[in-house]
N, C-alpha and C. Protein backbone atom coordinates (compact mmCIF):
# COMPACT_ATOMS: atom_id res chain seq x y z
N UNK A 1 -43.96 -10.84 -39.46
CA UNK A 1 -43.89 -9.53 -38.86
C UNK A 1 -42.43 -9.20 -38.57
N UNK A 2 -41.90 -8.09 -39.06
CA UNK A 2 -40.50 -7.75 -38.83
C UNK A 2 -40.25 -7.37 -37.38
N UNK A 3 -39.00 -7.66 -36.92
CA UNK A 3 -38.61 -7.34 -35.55
C UNK A 3 -38.15 -5.89 -35.48
N UNK A 4 -38.85 -5.07 -34.72
CA UNK A 4 -38.51 -3.66 -34.57
C UNK A 4 -38.15 -3.38 -33.12
N UNK A 5 -37.07 -2.62 -32.94
CA UNK A 5 -36.71 -2.21 -31.57
C UNK A 5 -37.47 -0.95 -31.22
N UNK A 6 -38.16 -0.99 -30.12
CA UNK A 6 -38.88 0.22 -29.73
C UNK A 6 -37.91 1.33 -29.33
N UNK A 7 -38.33 2.57 -29.52
CA UNK A 7 -37.50 3.74 -29.20
C UNK A 7 -37.10 3.76 -27.74
N UNK A 8 -37.96 3.26 -26.86
CA UNK A 8 -37.64 3.28 -25.42
C UNK A 8 -36.45 2.35 -25.12
N UNK A 9 -36.27 1.29 -25.88
CA UNK A 9 -35.13 0.39 -25.69
C UNK A 9 -33.83 1.12 -25.98
N UNK A 10 -33.81 1.91 -27.06
CA UNK A 10 -32.62 2.66 -27.42
C UNK A 10 -32.31 3.72 -26.37
N UNK A 11 -33.32 4.35 -25.85
CA UNK A 11 -33.12 5.35 -24.80
C UNK A 11 -32.54 4.69 -23.55
N UNK A 12 -33.07 3.53 -23.16
CA UNK A 12 -32.55 2.82 -21.99
C UNK A 12 -31.11 2.38 -22.21
N UNK A 13 -30.80 1.92 -23.41
CA UNK A 13 -29.45 1.50 -23.73
C UNK A 13 -28.47 2.67 -23.63
N UNK A 14 -28.86 3.81 -24.14
CA UNK A 14 -28.01 5.01 -24.02
C UNK A 14 -27.80 5.37 -22.56
N UNK A 15 -28.86 5.30 -21.77
CA UNK A 15 -28.78 5.63 -20.35
C UNK A 15 -27.80 4.68 -19.64
N UNK A 16 -27.85 3.41 -19.93
CA UNK A 16 -26.94 2.43 -19.32
C UNK A 16 -25.50 2.74 -19.72
N UNK A 17 -25.26 3.04 -20.98
CA UNK A 17 -23.90 3.33 -21.45
C UNK A 17 -23.38 4.61 -20.80
N UNK A 18 -24.17 5.65 -20.77
CA UNK A 18 -23.75 6.92 -20.15
C UNK A 18 -23.49 6.73 -18.67
N UNK A 19 -24.36 6.00 -18.00
CA UNK A 19 -24.17 5.74 -16.56
C UNK A 19 -22.87 4.97 -16.31
N UNK A 20 -22.61 3.98 -17.14
CA UNK A 20 -21.38 3.20 -17.00
C UNK A 20 -20.13 4.05 -17.18
N UNK A 21 -20.15 4.92 -18.16
CA UNK A 21 -19.01 5.81 -18.40
C UNK A 21 -18.82 6.75 -17.21
N UNK A 22 -19.91 7.27 -16.67
CA UNK A 22 -19.81 8.18 -15.52
C UNK A 22 -19.25 7.46 -14.29
N UNK A 23 -19.68 6.24 -14.04
CA UNK A 23 -19.17 5.47 -12.89
C UNK A 23 -17.68 5.21 -13.05
N UNK A 24 -17.25 4.86 -14.26
CA UNK A 24 -15.83 4.61 -14.49
C UNK A 24 -15.01 5.88 -14.29
N UNK A 25 -15.54 7.01 -14.70
CA UNK A 25 -14.84 8.29 -14.52
C UNK A 25 -14.72 8.64 -13.03
N UNK A 26 -15.77 8.38 -12.27
CA UNK A 26 -15.72 8.66 -10.83
C UNK A 26 -14.73 7.75 -10.13
N UNK A 27 -14.69 6.49 -10.49
CA UNK A 27 -13.73 5.57 -9.89
C UNK A 27 -12.31 5.97 -10.22
N UNK A 28 -12.06 6.42 -11.40
CA UNK A 28 -10.72 6.87 -11.79
C UNK A 28 -10.33 8.11 -10.98
N UNK A 29 -11.29 8.96 -10.68
CA UNK A 29 -11.01 10.17 -9.90
C UNK A 29 -10.72 9.86 -8.44
N UNK A 30 -11.13 8.69 -7.95
CA UNK A 30 -10.93 8.31 -6.56
C UNK A 30 -9.65 7.51 -6.38
N UNK A 31 -8.69 7.72 -7.21
CA UNK A 31 -7.42 7.01 -7.14
C UNK A 31 -6.73 7.32 -5.82
N UNK A 32 -6.33 6.30 -5.08
CA UNK A 32 -5.70 6.50 -3.77
C UNK A 32 -4.33 7.13 -3.89
N UNK A 33 -3.69 7.06 -5.06
CA UNK A 33 -2.39 7.71 -5.25
C UNK A 33 -2.50 9.21 -5.05
N UNK A 34 -3.67 9.78 -5.33
CA UNK A 34 -3.81 11.23 -5.18
C UNK A 34 -3.74 11.65 -3.72
N UNK A 35 -3.94 10.74 -2.79
CA UNK A 35 -3.84 11.04 -1.36
C UNK A 35 -2.44 10.77 -0.81
N UNK A 36 -1.51 10.33 -1.67
CA UNK A 36 -0.15 10.04 -1.23
C UNK A 36 0.69 11.30 -1.31
N UNK A 37 1.44 11.55 -0.25
CA UNK A 37 2.30 12.72 -0.15
C UNK A 37 3.74 12.24 -0.14
N UNK A 38 4.57 12.78 -1.01
CA UNK A 38 6.00 12.45 -1.05
C UNK A 38 6.76 13.77 -0.99
N UNK A 39 7.43 14.02 0.15
CA UNK A 39 8.07 15.31 0.38
C UNK A 39 9.33 15.20 1.22
N UNK A 40 10.04 16.30 1.27
CA UNK A 40 11.07 16.49 2.28
C UNK A 40 10.57 17.60 3.19
N UNK A 41 11.06 17.59 4.41
CA UNK A 41 10.63 18.59 5.36
C UNK A 41 11.47 18.56 6.62
N UNK A 42 11.05 19.32 7.61
CA UNK A 42 11.76 19.44 8.87
C UNK A 42 10.85 19.07 10.02
N UNK A 43 11.34 18.20 10.89
CA UNK A 43 10.59 17.85 12.10
C UNK A 43 10.61 19.07 13.02
N UNK A 44 9.45 19.42 13.55
CA UNK A 44 9.39 20.53 14.51
C UNK A 44 8.58 20.11 15.73
N UNK A 45 8.96 20.66 16.87
CA UNK A 45 8.20 20.43 18.09
C UNK A 45 7.17 21.54 18.20
N UNK A 46 5.91 21.15 18.33
CA UNK A 46 4.81 22.10 18.43
C UNK A 46 4.32 22.07 19.88
N UNK A 47 4.34 23.22 20.54
CA UNK A 47 4.01 23.25 21.97
C UNK A 47 2.53 23.52 22.24
N UNK A 48 1.67 23.03 21.38
CA UNK A 48 0.22 23.12 21.59
C UNK A 48 -0.29 21.82 22.18
N UNK A 49 -1.40 21.88 22.89
CA UNK A 49 -2.09 20.68 23.39
C UNK A 49 -1.15 19.70 24.09
N UNK A 50 -0.25 20.21 24.91
CA UNK A 50 0.67 19.34 25.65
C UNK A 50 1.94 19.02 24.90
N UNK A 51 2.03 19.44 23.65
CA UNK A 51 3.24 19.26 22.86
C UNK A 51 3.23 18.00 22.01
N UNK A 52 3.70 18.12 20.79
CA UNK A 52 3.80 16.99 19.87
C UNK A 52 4.77 17.37 18.75
N UNK A 53 5.15 16.38 17.95
CA UNK A 53 6.05 16.62 16.83
C UNK A 53 5.25 16.60 15.53
N UNK A 54 5.56 17.56 14.69
CA UNK A 54 4.95 17.65 13.37
C UNK A 54 6.05 17.78 12.33
N UNK A 55 5.64 17.88 11.09
CA UNK A 55 6.58 18.06 9.99
C UNK A 55 6.18 19.31 9.22
N UNK A 56 7.14 20.21 9.06
CA UNK A 56 6.93 21.39 8.21
C UNK A 56 7.51 21.02 6.85
N UNK A 57 6.62 20.78 5.88
CA UNK A 57 7.04 20.34 4.56
C UNK A 57 7.71 21.46 3.78
N UNK A 58 8.58 21.09 2.87
CA UNK A 58 9.22 22.07 2.00
C UNK A 58 8.21 22.74 1.07
N UNK A 59 7.00 22.20 1.02
CA UNK A 59 5.93 22.82 0.23
C UNK A 59 5.23 23.93 1.02
N UNK A 60 5.69 24.19 2.25
CA UNK A 60 5.12 25.25 3.08
C UNK A 60 3.96 24.80 3.95
N UNK A 61 3.53 23.56 3.80
CA UNK A 61 2.40 23.05 4.59
C UNK A 61 2.89 22.36 5.86
N UNK A 62 2.00 22.26 6.83
CA UNK A 62 2.30 21.58 8.09
C UNK A 62 1.60 20.23 8.09
N UNK A 63 2.30 19.20 8.58
CA UNK A 63 1.77 17.84 8.60
C UNK A 63 1.82 17.29 10.02
N UNK A 64 0.73 16.66 10.42
CA UNK A 64 0.59 16.08 11.76
C UNK A 64 0.57 14.56 11.63
N UNK A 65 1.74 13.91 11.78
CA UNK A 65 1.78 12.45 11.63
C UNK A 65 1.23 11.73 12.86
N UNK A 66 0.41 10.70 12.61
CA UNK A 66 -0.15 9.92 13.72
C UNK A 66 0.81 8.82 14.17
N UNK A 67 1.86 8.56 13.37
CA UNK A 67 2.74 7.43 13.68
C UNK A 67 4.23 7.78 13.46
N UNK A 68 4.64 8.96 13.90
CA UNK A 68 6.04 9.34 13.76
C UNK A 68 6.90 8.48 14.68
N UNK A 69 7.86 7.71 14.11
CA UNK A 69 8.70 6.85 14.94
C UNK A 69 9.51 7.66 15.96
N UNK A 70 9.76 7.06 17.11
CA UNK A 70 10.49 7.71 18.21
C UNK A 70 11.84 8.27 17.75
N UNK A 71 12.55 7.54 16.90
CA UNK A 71 13.87 7.97 16.44
C UNK A 71 13.83 9.27 15.63
N UNK A 72 12.67 9.66 15.15
CA UNK A 72 12.54 10.85 14.33
C UNK A 72 11.95 12.03 15.11
N UNK A 73 11.74 11.88 16.38
CA UNK A 73 11.16 12.95 17.20
C UNK A 73 12.27 13.86 17.73
N UNK A 74 12.88 14.59 16.79
CA UNK A 74 13.98 15.50 17.10
C UNK A 74 13.74 16.82 16.37
N UNK A 75 13.56 17.89 17.13
CA UNK A 75 13.31 19.20 16.57
C UNK A 75 14.44 19.61 15.62
N UNK A 76 14.09 19.99 14.40
CA UNK A 76 15.08 20.45 13.43
C UNK A 76 15.60 19.36 12.50
N UNK A 77 15.22 18.11 12.71
CA UNK A 77 15.70 17.00 11.89
C UNK A 77 15.10 17.08 10.49
N UNK A 78 15.96 17.00 9.47
CA UNK A 78 15.49 17.00 8.08
C UNK A 78 15.15 15.58 7.67
N UNK A 79 13.99 15.41 7.03
CA UNK A 79 13.51 14.08 6.63
C UNK A 79 12.93 14.10 5.22
N UNK A 80 12.93 12.93 4.62
CA UNK A 80 12.19 12.67 3.37
C UNK A 80 11.14 11.64 3.76
N UNK A 81 9.90 11.91 3.41
CA UNK A 81 8.84 10.99 3.83
C UNK A 81 7.79 10.77 2.76
N UNK A 82 7.13 9.63 2.88
CA UNK A 82 5.97 9.31 2.07
C UNK A 82 4.85 9.02 3.05
N UNK A 83 3.69 9.59 2.80
CA UNK A 83 2.58 9.45 3.75
C UNK A 83 1.25 9.46 3.01
N UNK A 84 0.24 8.98 3.70
CA UNK A 84 -1.13 9.02 3.19
C UNK A 84 -1.90 10.05 4.02
N UNK A 85 -2.63 10.91 3.32
CA UNK A 85 -3.46 11.89 4.02
C UNK A 85 -4.67 11.18 4.61
N UNK A 86 -4.96 11.46 5.86
CA UNK A 86 -6.10 10.85 6.56
C UNK A 86 -7.28 11.82 6.54
N UNK A 87 -7.94 11.88 5.42
CA UNK A 87 -9.04 12.84 5.24
C UNK A 87 -10.26 12.50 6.08
N UNK A 88 -10.41 11.24 6.45
CA UNK A 88 -11.61 10.81 7.18
C UNK A 88 -11.41 10.81 8.69
N UNK A 89 -10.29 11.37 9.16
CA UNK A 89 -10.02 11.40 10.61
C UNK A 89 -9.74 12.83 11.05
N UNK A 90 -9.83 13.03 12.35
CA UNK A 90 -9.55 14.34 12.94
C UNK A 90 -8.59 14.16 14.11
N UNK A 91 -7.94 15.24 14.49
CA UNK A 91 -7.00 15.21 15.59
C UNK A 91 -7.31 16.34 16.56
N UNK A 92 -7.07 16.11 17.83
CA UNK A 92 -7.30 17.18 18.81
C UNK A 92 -6.19 18.22 18.75
N UNK A 93 -5.12 17.95 18.01
CA UNK A 93 -4.03 18.93 17.86
C UNK A 93 -4.51 20.18 17.12
N UNK A 94 -5.45 19.99 16.17
CA UNK A 94 -5.97 21.11 15.37
C UNK A 94 -4.82 21.86 14.70
N UNK A 95 -3.88 21.08 14.17
CA UNK A 95 -2.69 21.67 13.54
C UNK A 95 -2.28 20.82 12.36
N UNK A 96 -2.14 21.41 11.22
CA UNK A 96 -1.61 20.70 10.07
C UNK A 96 -2.56 19.68 9.45
N UNK A 97 -2.04 19.01 8.44
CA UNK A 97 -2.77 17.97 7.71
C UNK A 97 -2.45 16.64 8.37
N UNK A 98 -3.47 15.92 8.78
CA UNK A 98 -3.29 14.64 9.46
C UNK A 98 -2.81 13.59 8.46
N UNK A 99 -1.67 12.93 8.78
CA UNK A 99 -1.10 11.93 7.87
C UNK A 99 -0.68 10.68 8.62
N UNK A 100 -0.58 9.59 7.88
CA UNK A 100 -0.01 8.34 8.35
C UNK A 100 1.25 8.10 7.52
N UNK A 101 2.39 8.01 8.18
CA UNK A 101 3.65 7.85 7.48
C UNK A 101 3.78 6.43 6.96
N UNK A 102 4.12 6.32 5.67
CA UNK A 102 4.35 5.03 5.03
C UNK A 102 5.84 4.70 5.09
N UNK A 103 6.68 5.70 4.82
CA UNK A 103 8.12 5.54 4.94
C UNK A 103 8.74 6.89 5.27
N UNK A 104 9.86 6.85 6.01
CA UNK A 104 10.55 8.07 6.40
C UNK A 104 12.03 7.77 6.54
N UNK A 105 12.84 8.74 6.15
CA UNK A 105 14.29 8.59 6.31
C UNK A 105 14.92 9.95 6.58
N UNK A 106 16.05 9.94 7.26
CA UNK A 106 16.78 11.17 7.53
C UNK A 106 17.46 11.62 6.25
N UNK A 107 17.53 12.94 6.07
CA UNK A 107 18.20 13.51 4.88
C UNK A 107 19.59 13.97 5.27
């Protein structure tokens, strides 16, 4: 009796291959580099919620760093920074994009 592959086996195999390709595409889209911000900007003092320091990026956006070093808390200071966007967190400041600074330097 010859060995025949049933049609349902081929359908299942296609489903597994398509599913695998979709999973790989989704993982590639979740690259953490896409959440990395590399910019220059200006430190500003924001007088909301008791006052805090933020960064007005040269891209026109406002950034609310959770870990701005004390030495950089000077209104008007120009900086170059690299940061990660904290999409899964919120701030009571309700101002700007919440970020964690990876590196920062004066310009």
